[in-house]
Amino acid sequence: SAIALVGVALHALFGWWWADPVAA
């Protein structure tokens, strides 16, 4: 859950589209 949250948060805060797939 923490890994998923970091990926989603990075995408939401900075617009890094690749953060969520990298977290996955």
mmCIF file of all heavy atoms, coordinates in Angstrom:
data_MODEL
# 
_entry.id   MODEL 
# 
loop_
_atom_site.group_PDB 
_atom_site.id 
_atom_site.type_symbol 
_atom_site.label_atom_id 
_atom_site.label_alt_id 
_atom_site.label_comp_id 
_atom_site.label_asym_id 
_atom_site.label_entity_id 
_atom_site.label_seq_id 
_atom_site.pdbx_PDB_ins_code 
_atom_site.Cartn_x 
_atom_site.Cartn_y 
_atom_site.Cartn_z 
_atom_site.occupancy 
_atom_site.B_iso_or_equiv 
_atom_site.pdbx_formal_charge 
_atom_site.auth_seq_id 
_atom_site.auth_comp_id 
_atom_site.auth_asym_id 
_atom_site.auth_atom_id 
_atom_site.pdbx_PDB_model_num 
ATOM 1   N N   . SER A 1 1  ? 0.822  -1.209 0.000   1.00 0.00 ? 1  SER A N   1 
ATOM 2   C CA  . SER A 1 1  ? 0.000  0.000  0.000   1.00 0.00 ? 1  SER A CA  1 
ATOM 3   C C   . SER A 1 1  ? 0.854  1.256  0.000   1.00 0.00 ? 1  SER A C   1 
ATOM 4   O O   . SER A 1 1  ? 0.543  2.232  -0.687  1.00 0.00 ? 1  SER A O   1 
ATOM 5   C CB  . SER A 1 1  ? -0.931 0.004  1.213   1.00 0.00 ? 1  SER A CB  1 
ATOM 6   O OG  . SER A 1 1  ? -1.830 -1.065 1.141   1.00 0.00 ? 1  SER A OG  1 
ATOM 7   N N   . ALA A 1 2  ? 1.935  1.245  0.759   1.00 0.00 ? 2  ALA A N   1 
ATOM 8   C CA  . ALA A 1 2  ? 2.830  2.407  0.808   1.00 0.00 ? 2  ALA A CA  1 
ATOM 9   C C   . ALA A 1 2  ? 3.480  2.643  -0.548  1.00 0.00 ? 2  ALA A C   1 
ATOM 10  O O   . ALA A 1 2  ? 3.584  3.797  -1.010  1.00 0.00 ? 2  ALA A O   1 
ATOM 11  C CB  . ALA A 1 2  ? 3.890  2.210  1.883   1.00 0.00 ? 2  ALA A CB  1 
ATOM 12  N N   . ILE A 1 3  ? 3.910  1.575  -1.203  1.00 0.00 ? 3  ILE A N   1 
ATOM 13  C CA  . ILE A 1 3  ? 4.517  1.711  -2.529  1.00 0.00 ? 3  ILE A CA  1 
ATOM 14  C C   . ILE A 1 3  ? 3.505  2.292  -3.515  1.00 0.00 ? 3  ILE A C   1 
ATOM 15  O O   . ILE A 1 3  ? 3.817  3.209  -4.288  1.00 0.00 ? 3  ILE A O   1 
ATOM 16  C CB  . ILE A 1 3  ? 5.052  0.348  -3.023  1.00 0.00 ? 3  ILE A CB  1 
ATOM 17  C CG1 . ILE A 1 3  ? 6.230  -0.102 -2.163  1.00 0.00 ? 3  ILE A CG1 1 
ATOM 18  C CG2 . ILE A 1 3  ? 5.467  0.428  -4.486  1.00 0.00 ? 3  ILE A CG2 1 
ATOM 19  C CD1 . ILE A 1 3  ? 6.656  -1.546 -2.394  1.00 0.00 ? 3  ILE A CD1 1 
ATOM 20  N N   . ALA A 1 4  ? 2.285  1.776  -3.495  1.00 0.00 ? 4  ALA A N   1 
ATOM 21  C CA  . ALA A 1 4  ? 1.238  2.273  -4.383  1.00 0.00 ? 4  ALA A CA  1 
ATOM 22  C C   . ALA A 1 4  ? 0.927  3.738  -4.099  1.00 0.00 ? 4  ALA A C   1 
ATOM 23  O O   . ALA A 1 4  ? 0.777  4.546  -5.023  1.00 0.00 ? 4  ALA A O   1 
ATOM 24  C CB  . ALA A 1 4  ? -0.022 1.435  -4.246  1.00 0.00 ? 4  ALA A CB  1 
ATOM 25  N N   . LEU A 1 5  ? 0.852  4.100  -2.830  1.00 0.00 ? 5  LEU A N   1 
ATOM 26  C CA  . LEU A 1 5  ? 0.561  5.479  -2.450  1.00 0.00 ? 5  LEU A CA  1 
ATOM 27  C C   . LEU A 1 5  ? 1.641  6.434  -2.927  1.00 0.00 ? 5  LEU A C   1 
ATOM 28  O O   . LEU A 1 5  ? 1.349  7.531  -3.424  1.00 0.00 ? 5  LEU A O   1 
ATOM 29  C CB  . LEU A 1 5  ? 0.395  5.578  -0.930  1.00 0.00 ? 5  LEU A CB  1 
ATOM 30  C CG  . LEU A 1 5  ? 0.042  6.961  -0.390  1.00 0.00 ? 5  LEU A CG  1 
ATOM 31  C CD1 . LEU A 1 5  ? -1.298 7.417  -0.943  1.00 0.00 ? 5  LEU A CD1 1 
ATOM 32  C CD2 . LEU A 1 5  ? 0.006  6.935  1.119   1.00 0.00 ? 5  LEU A CD2 1 
ATOM 33  N N   . VAL A 1 6  ? 2.889  6.047  -2.812  1.00 0.00 ? 6  VAL A N   1 
ATOM 34  C CA  . VAL A 1 6  ? 3.990  6.897  -3.283  1.00 0.00 ? 6  VAL A CA  1 
ATOM 35  C C   . VAL A 1 6  ? 3.878  7.114  -4.790  1.00 0.00 ? 6  VAL A C   1 
ATOM 36  O O   . VAL A 1 6  ? 4.026  8.237  -5.278  1.00 0.00 ? 6  VAL A O   1 
ATOM 37  C CB  . VAL A 1 6  ? 5.360  6.293  -2.907  1.00 0.00 ? 6  VAL A CB  1 
ATOM 38  C CG1 . VAL A 1 6  ? 6.485  6.978  -3.638  1.00 0.00 ? 6  VAL A CG1 1 
ATOM 39  C CG2 . VAL A 1 6  ? 5.579  6.388  -1.402  1.00 0.00 ? 6  VAL A CG2 1 
ATOM 40  N N   . GLY A 1 7  ? 3.602  6.050  -5.530  1.00 0.00 ? 7  GLY A N   1 
ATOM 41  C CA  . GLY A 1 7  ? 3.462  6.188  -6.980  1.00 0.00 ? 7  GLY A CA  1 
ATOM 42  C C   . GLY A 1 7  ? 2.330  7.120  -7.364  1.00 0.00 ? 7  GLY A C   1 
ATOM 43  O O   . GLY A 1 7  ? 2.490  7.999  -8.214  1.00 0.00 ? 7  GLY A O   1 
ATOM 44  N N   . VAL A 1 8  ? 1.180  6.943  -6.742  1.00 0.00 ? 8  VAL A N   1 
ATOM 45  C CA  . VAL A 1 8  ? 0.025  7.792  -7.042  1.00 0.00 ? 8  VAL A CA  1 
ATOM 46  C C   . VAL A 1 8  ? 0.288  9.238  -6.607  1.00 0.00 ? 8  VAL A C   1 
ATOM 47  O O   . VAL A 1 8  ? -0.053 10.187 -7.314  1.00 0.00 ? 8  VAL A O   1 
ATOM 48  C CB  . VAL A 1 8  ? -1.245 7.227  -6.376  1.00 0.00 ? 8  VAL A CB  1 
ATOM 49  C CG1 . VAL A 1 8  ? -2.403 8.199  -6.476  1.00 0.00 ? 8  VAL A CG1 1 
ATOM 50  C CG2 . VAL A 1 8  ? -1.616 5.903  -7.006  1.00 0.00 ? 8  VAL A CG2 1 
ATOM 51  N N   . ALA A 1 9  ? 0.909  9.415  -5.449  1.00 0.00 ? 9  ALA A N   1 
ATOM 52  C CA  . ALA A 1 9  ? 1.187  10.767 -4.949  1.00 0.00 ? 9  ALA A CA  1 
ATOM 53  C C   . ALA A 1 9  ? 2.164  11.509 -5.862  1.00 0.00 ? 9  ALA A C   1 
ATOM 54  O O   . ALA A 1 9  ? 1.967  12.696 -6.143  1.00 0.00 ? 9  ALA A O   1 
ATOM 55  C CB  . ALA A 1 9  ? 1.749  10.700 -3.531  1.00 0.00 ? 9  ALA A CB  1 
ATOM 56  N N   . LEU A 1 10 ? 3.201  10.824 -6.311  1.00 0.00 ? 10 LEU A N   1 
ATOM 57  C CA  . LEU A 1 10 ? 4.147  11.466 -7.220  1.00 0.00 ? 10 LEU A CA  1 
ATOM 58  C C   . LEU A 1 10 ? 3.473  11.875 -8.529  1.00 0.00 ? 10 LEU A C   1 
ATOM 59  O O   . LEU A 1 10 ? 3.742  12.943 -9.073  1.00 0.00 ? 10 LEU A O   1 
ATOM 60  C CB  . LEU A 1 10 ? 5.338  10.552 -7.495  1.00 0.00 ? 10 LEU A CB  1 
ATOM 61  C CG  . LEU A 1 10 ? 6.299  10.348 -6.337  1.00 0.00 ? 10 LEU A CG  1 
ATOM 62  C CD1 . LEU A 1 10 ? 7.340  9.290  -6.687  1.00 0.00 ? 10 LEU A CD1 1 
ATOM 63  C CD2 . LEU A 1 10 ? 6.978  11.657 -5.949  1.00 0.00 ? 10 LEU A CD2 1 
ATOM 64  N N   . HIS A 1 11 ? 2.583  11.037 -8.998  1.00 0.00 ? 11 HIS A N   1 
ATOM 65  C CA  . HIS A 1 11 ? 1.842  11.372 -10.221 1.00 0.00 ? 11 HIS A CA  1 
ATOM 66  C C   . HIS A 1 11 ? 0.939  12.580 -9.984  1.00 0.00 ? 11 HIS A C   1 
ATOM 67  O O   . HIS A 1 11 ? 0.889  13.501 -10.801 1.00 0.00 ? 11 HIS A O   1 
ATOM 68  C CB  . HIS A 1 11 ? 1.012  10.183 -10.682 1.00 0.00 ? 11 HIS A CB  1 
ATOM 69  C CG  . HIS A 1 11 ? 0.201  10.472 -11.898 1.00 0.00 ? 11 HIS A CG  1 
ATOM 70  N ND1 . HIS A 1 11 ? 0.671  10.281 -13.163 1.00 0.00 ? 11 HIS A ND1 1 
ATOM 71  C CD2 . HIS A 1 11 ? -1.050 10.960 -12.034 1.00 0.00 ? 11 HIS A CD2 1 
ATOM 72  C CE1 . HIS A 1 11 ? -0.248 10.626 -14.038 1.00 0.00 ? 11 HIS A CE1 1 
ATOM 73  N NE2 . HIS A 1 11 ? -1.315 11.047 -13.362 1.00 0.00 ? 11 HIS A NE2 1 
ATOM 74  N N   . ALA A 1 12 ? 0.227  12.582 -8.863  1.00 0.00 ? 12 ALA A N   1 
ATOM 75  C CA  . ALA A 1 12 ? -0.707 13.666 -8.561  1.00 0.00 ? 12 ALA A CA  1 
ATOM 76  C C   . ALA A 1 12 ? 0.006  14.988 -8.273  1.00 0.00 ? 12 ALA A C   1 
ATOM 77  O O   . ALA A 1 12 ? -0.439 16.055 -8.712  1.00 0.00 ? 12 ALA A O   1 
ATOM 78  C CB  . ALA A 1 12 ? -1.590 13.284 -7.384  1.00 0.00 ? 12 ALA A CB  1 
ATOM 79  N N   . LEU A 1 13 ? 1.100  14.930 -7.528  1.00 0.00 ? 13 LEU A N   1 
ATOM 80  C CA  . LEU A 1 13 ? 1.779  16.158 -7.112  1.00 0.00 ? 13 LEU A CA  1 
ATOM 81  C C   . LEU A 1 13 ? 2.653  16.769 -8.202  1.00 0.00 ? 13 LEU A C   1 
ATOM 82  O O   . LEU A 1 13 ? 2.695  17.993 -8.354  1.00 0.00 ? 13 LEU A O   1 
ATOM 83  C CB  . LEU A 1 13 ? 2.633  15.884 -5.873  1.00 0.00 ? 13 LEU A CB  1 
ATOM 84  C CG  . LEU A 1 13 ? 1.872  15.535 -4.598  1.00 0.00 ? 13 LEU A CG  1 
ATOM 85  C CD1 . LEU A 1 13 ? 2.836  15.122 -3.494  1.00 0.00 ? 13 LEU A CD1 1 
ATOM 86  C CD2 . LEU A 1 13 ? 1.023  16.723 -4.153  1.00 0.00 ? 13 LEU A CD2 1 
ATOM 87  N N   . PHE A 1 14 ? 3.353  15.926 -8.930  1.00 0.00 ? 14 PHE A N   1 
ATOM 88  C CA  . PHE A 1 14 ? 4.329  16.436 -9.887  1.00 0.00 ? 14 PHE A CA  1 
ATOM 89  C C   . PHE A 1 14 ? 3.977  16.145 -11.343 1.00 0.00 ? 14 PHE A C   1 
ATOM 90  O O   . PHE A 1 14 ? 4.698  16.546 -12.244 1.00 0.00 ? 14 PHE A O   1 
ATOM 91  C CB  . PHE A 1 14 ? 5.720  15.858 -9.580  1.00 0.00 ? 14 PHE A CB  1 
ATOM 92  C CG  . PHE A 1 14 ? 6.206  16.178 -8.201  1.00 0.00 ? 14 PHE A CG  1 
ATOM 93  C CD1 . PHE A 1 14 ? 6.299  15.184 -7.245  1.00 0.00 ? 14 PHE A CD1 1 
ATOM 94  C CD2 . PHE A 1 14 ? 6.549  17.475 -7.848  1.00 0.00 ? 14 PHE A CD2 1 
ATOM 95  C CE1 . PHE A 1 14 ? 6.745  15.469 -5.961  1.00 0.00 ? 14 PHE A CE1 1 
ATOM 96  C CE2 . PHE A 1 14 ? 6.985  17.774 -6.568  1.00 0.00 ? 14 PHE A CE2 1 
ATOM 97  C CZ  . PHE A 1 14 ? 7.081  16.764 -5.620  1.00 0.00 ? 14 PHE A CZ  1 
ATOM 98  N N   . GLY A 1 15 ? 2.909  15.385 -11.556 1.00 0.00 ? 15 GLY A N   1 
ATOM 99  C CA  . GLY A 1 15 ? 2.514  15.049 -12.915 1.00 0.00 ? 15 GLY A CA  1 
ATOM 100 C C   . GLY A 1 15 ? 3.417  14.024 -13.581 1.00 0.00 ? 15 GLY A C   1 
ATOM 101 O O   . GLY A 1 15 ? 3.424  13.911 -14.800 1.00 0.00 ? 15 GLY A O   1 
ATOM 102 N N   . TRP A 1 16 ? 4.167  13.303 -12.768 1.00 0.00 ? 16 TRP A N   1 
ATOM 103 C CA  . TRP A 1 16 ? 5.065  12.278 -13.318 1.00 0.00 ? 16 TRP A CA  1 
ATOM 104 C C   . TRP A 1 16 ? 4.235  11.063 -13.704 1.00 0.00 ? 16 TRP A C   1 
ATOM 105 O O   . TRP A 1 16 ? 3.931  10.205 -12.883 1.00 0.00 ? 16 TRP A O   1 
ATOM 106 C CB  . TRP A 1 16 ? 6.127  11.881 -12.302 1.00 0.00 ? 16 TRP A CB  1 
ATOM 107 C CG  . TRP A 1 16 ? 7.071  12.989 -11.944 1.00 0.00 ? 16 TRP A CG  1 
ATOM 108 C CD1 . TRP A 1 16 ? 7.240  14.178 -12.588 1.00 0.00 ? 16 TRP A CD1 1 
ATOM 109 C CD2 . TRP A 1 16 ? 7.977  13.010 -10.849 1.00 0.00 ? 16 TRP A CD2 1 
ATOM 110 N NE1 . TRP A 1 16 ? 8.192  14.939 -11.966 1.00 0.00 ? 16 TRP A NE1 1 
ATOM 111 C CE2 . TRP A 1 16 ? 8.670  14.234 -10.887 1.00 0.00 ? 16 TRP A CE2 1 
ATOM 112 C CE3 . TRP A 1 16 ? 8.274  12.112 -9.841  1.00 0.00 ? 16 TRP A CE3 1 
ATOM 113 C CZ2 . TRP A 1 16 ? 9.632  14.577 -9.968  1.00 0.00 ? 16 TRP A CZ2 1 
ATOM 114 C CZ3 . TRP A 1 16 ? 9.236  12.453 -8.919  1.00 0.00 ? 16 TRP A CZ3 1 
ATOM 115 C CH2 . TRP A 1 16 ? 9.915  13.671 -8.984  1.00 0.00 ? 16 TRP A CH2 1 
ATOM 116 N N   . TRP A 1 17 ? 3.864  10.963 -14.967 1.00 0.00 ? 17 TRP A N   1 
ATOM 117 C CA  . TRP A 1 17 ? 2.998  9.887  -15.440 1.00 0.00 ? 17 TRP A CA  1 
ATOM 118 C C   . TRP A 1 17 ? 3.622  8.518  -15.226 1.00 0.00 ? 17 TRP A C   1 
ATOM 119 O O   . TRP A 1 17 ? 2.927  7.527  -15.096 1.00 0.00 ? 17 TRP A O   1 
ATOM 120 C CB  . TRP A 1 17 ? 2.667  10.079 -16.924 1.00 0.00 ? 17 TRP A CB  1 
ATOM 121 C CG  . TRP A 1 17 ? 3.880  10.036 -17.797 1.00 0.00 ? 17 TRP A CG  1 
ATOM 122 C CD1 . TRP A 1 17 ? 4.625  11.121 -18.192 1.00 0.00 ? 17 TRP A CD1 1 
ATOM 123 C CD2 . TRP A 1 17 ? 4.511  8.887  -18.350 1.00 0.00 ? 17 TRP A CD2 1 
ATOM 124 N NE1 . TRP A 1 17 ? 5.677  10.698 -18.952 1.00 0.00 ? 17 TRP A NE1 1 
ATOM 125 C CE2 . TRP A 1 17 ? 5.639  9.330  -19.079 1.00 0.00 ? 17 TRP A CE2 1 
ATOM 126 C CE3 . TRP A 1 17 ? 4.243  7.524  -18.306 1.00 0.00 ? 17 TRP A CE3 1 
ATOM 127 C CZ2 . TRP A 1 17 ? 6.477  8.454  -19.739 1.00 0.00 ? 17 TRP A CZ2 1 
ATOM 128 C CZ3 . TRP A 1 17 ? 5.080  6.652  -18.971 1.00 0.00 ? 17 TRP A CZ3 1 
ATOM 129 C CH2 . TRP A 1 17 ? 6.180  7.124  -19.691 1.00 0.00 ? 17 TRP A CH2 1 
ATOM 130 N N   . TRP A 1 18 ? 4.917  8.458  -15.168 1.00 0.00 ? 18 TRP A N   1 
ATOM 131 C CA  . TRP A 1 18 ? 5.637  7.187  -15.073 1.00 0.00 ? 18 TRP A CA  1 
ATOM 132 C C   . TRP A 1 18 ? 5.776  6.688  -13.632 1.00 0.00 ? 18 TRP A C   1 
ATOM 133 O O   . TRP A 1 18 ? 6.185  5.552  -13.412 1.00 0.00 ? 18 TRP A O   1 
ATOM 134 C CB  . TRP A 1 18 ? 7.026  7.310  -15.694 1.00 0.00 ? 18 TRP A CB  1 
ATOM 135 C CG  . TRP A 1 18 ? 7.775  8.517  -15.216 1.00 0.00 ? 18 TRP A CG  1 
ATOM 136 C CD1 . TRP A 1 18 ? 7.824  9.740  -15.813 1.00 0.00 ? 18 TRP A CD1 1 
ATOM 137 C CD2 . TRP A 1 18 ? 8.550  8.633  -14.008 1.00 0.00 ? 18 TRP A CD2 1 
ATOM 138 N NE1 . TRP A 1 18 ? 8.593  10.607 -15.069 1.00 0.00 ? 18 TRP A NE1 1 
ATOM 139 C CE2 . TRP A 1 18 ? 9.045  9.950  -13.952 1.00 0.00 ? 18 TRP A CE2 1 
ATOM 140 C CE3 . TRP A 1 18 ? 8.873  7.746  -12.994 1.00 0.00 ? 18 TRP A CE3 1 
ATOM 141 C CZ2 . TRP A 1 18 ? 9.839  10.392 -12.906 1.00 0.00 ? 18 TRP A CZ2 1 
ATOM 142 C CZ3 . TRP A 1 18 ? 9.657  8.194  -11.944 1.00 0.00 ? 18 TRP A CZ3 1 
ATOM 143 C CH2 . TRP A 1 18 ? 10.136 9.511  -11.913 1.00 0.00 ? 18 TRP A CH2 1 
ATOM 144 N N   . ALA A 1 19 ? 5.444  7.497  -12.647 1.00 0.00 ? 19 ALA A N   1 
ATOM 145 C CA  . ALA A 1 19 ? 5.660  7.115  -11.246 1.00 0.00 ? 19 ALA A CA  1 
ATOM 146 C C   . ALA A 1 19 ? 4.759  5.949  -10.822 1.00 0.00 ? 19 ALA A C   1 
ATOM 147 O O   . ALA A 1 19 ? 5.210  5.047  -10.108 1.00 0.00 ? 19 ALA A O   1 
ATOM 148 C CB  . ALA A 1 19 ? 5.428  8.309  -10.328 1.00 0.00 ? 19 ALA A CB  1 
ATOM 149 N N   . ASP A 1 20 ? 3.514  5.962  -11.264 1.00 0.00 ? 20 ASP A N   1 
ATOM 150 C CA  . ASP A 1 20 ? 2.601  4.885  -10.880 1.00 0.00 ? 20 ASP A CA  1 
ATOM 151 C C   . ASP A 1 20 ? 3.018  3.544  -11.498 1.00 0.00 ? 20 ASP A C   1 
ATOM 152 O O   . ASP A 1 20 ? 3.078  2.540  -10.781 1.00 0.00 ? 20 ASP A O   1 
ATOM 153 C CB  . ASP A 1 20 ? 1.173  5.265  -11.269 1.00 0.00 ? 20 ASP A CB  1 
ATOM 154 C CG  . ASP A 1 20 ? 0.128  4.387  -10.621 1.00 0.00 ? 20 ASP A CG  1 
ATOM 155 O OD1 . ASP A 1 20 ? 0.377  3.885  -9.513  1.00 0.00 ? 20 ASP A OD1 1 
ATOM 156 O OD2 . ASP A 1 20 ? -0.946 4.211  -11.221 1.00 0.00 ? 20 ASP A OD2 1 
ATOM 157 N N   . PRO A 1 21 ? 3.354  3.483  -12.795 1.00 0.00 ? 21 PRO A N   1 
ATOM 158 C CA  . PRO A 1 21 ? 3.834  2.207  -13.342 1.00 0.00 ? 21 PRO A CA  1 
ATOM 159 C C   . PRO A 1 21 ? 5.143  1.728  -12.702 1.00 0.00 ? 21 PRO A C   1 
ATOM 160 O O   . PRO A 1 21 ? 5.337  0.525  -12.504 1.00 0.00 ? 21 PRO A O   1 
ATOM 161 C CB  . PRO A 1 21 ? 4.033  2.495  -14.835 1.00 0.00 ? 21 PRO A CB  1 
ATOM 162 C CG  . PRO A 1 21 ? 3.180  3.665  -15.127 1.00 0.00 ? 21 PRO A CG  1 
ATOM 163 C CD  . PRO A 1 21 ? 3.127  4.458  -13.867 1.00 0.00 ? 21 PRO A CD  1 
ATOM 164 N N   . VAL A 1 22 ? 6.029  2.647  -12.358 1.00 0.00 ? 22 VAL A N   1 
ATOM 165 C CA  . VAL A 1 22 ? 7.276  2.256  -11.695 1.00 0.00 ? 22 VAL A CA  1 
ATOM 166 C C   . VAL A 1 22 ? 6.979  1.680  -10.315 1.00 0.00 ? 22 VAL A C   1 
ATOM 167 O O   . VAL A 1 22 ? 7.587  0.686  -9.898  1.00 0.00 ? 22 VAL A O   1 
ATOM 168 C CB  . VAL A 1 22 ? 8.262  3.452  -11.611 1.00 0.00 ? 22 VAL A CB  1 
ATOM 169 C CG1 . VAL A 1 22 ? 9.424  3.147  -10.692 1.00 0.00 ? 22 VAL A CG1 1 
ATOM 170 C CG2 . VAL A 1 22 ? 8.761  3.807  -13.002 1.00 0.00 ? 22 VAL A CG2 1 
ATOM 171 N N   . ALA A 1 23 ? 6.032  2.270  -9.611  1.00 0.00 ? 23 ALA A N   1 
ATOM 172 C CA  . ALA A 1 23 ? 5.638  1.732  -8.301  1.00 0.00 ? 23 ALA A CA  1 
ATOM 173 C C   . ALA A 1 23 ? 5.066  0.326  -8.459  1.00 0.00 ? 23 ALA A C   1 
ATOM 174 O O   . ALA A 1 23 ? 5.367  -0.565 -7.651  1.00 0.00 ? 23 ALA A O   1 
ATOM 175 C CB  . ALA A 1 23 ? 4.610  2.655  -7.645  1.00 0.00 ? 23 ALA A CB  1 
ATOM 176 N N   . ALA A 1 24 ? 4.261  0.116  -9.506  1.00 0.00 ? 24 ALA A N   1 
ATOM 177 C CA  . ALA A 1 24 ? 3.715  -1.214 -9.746  1.00 0.00 ? 24 ALA A CA  1 
ATOM 178 C C   . ALA A 1 24 ? 4.833  -2.221 -10.030 1.00 0.00 ? 24 ALA A C   1 
ATOM 179 O O   . ALA A 1 24 ? 4.808  -3.350 -9.530  1.00 0.00 ? 24 ALA A O   1 
ATOM 180 C CB  . ALA A 1 24 ? 2.728  -1.173 -10.908 1.00 0.00 ? 24 ALA A CB  1 
# 
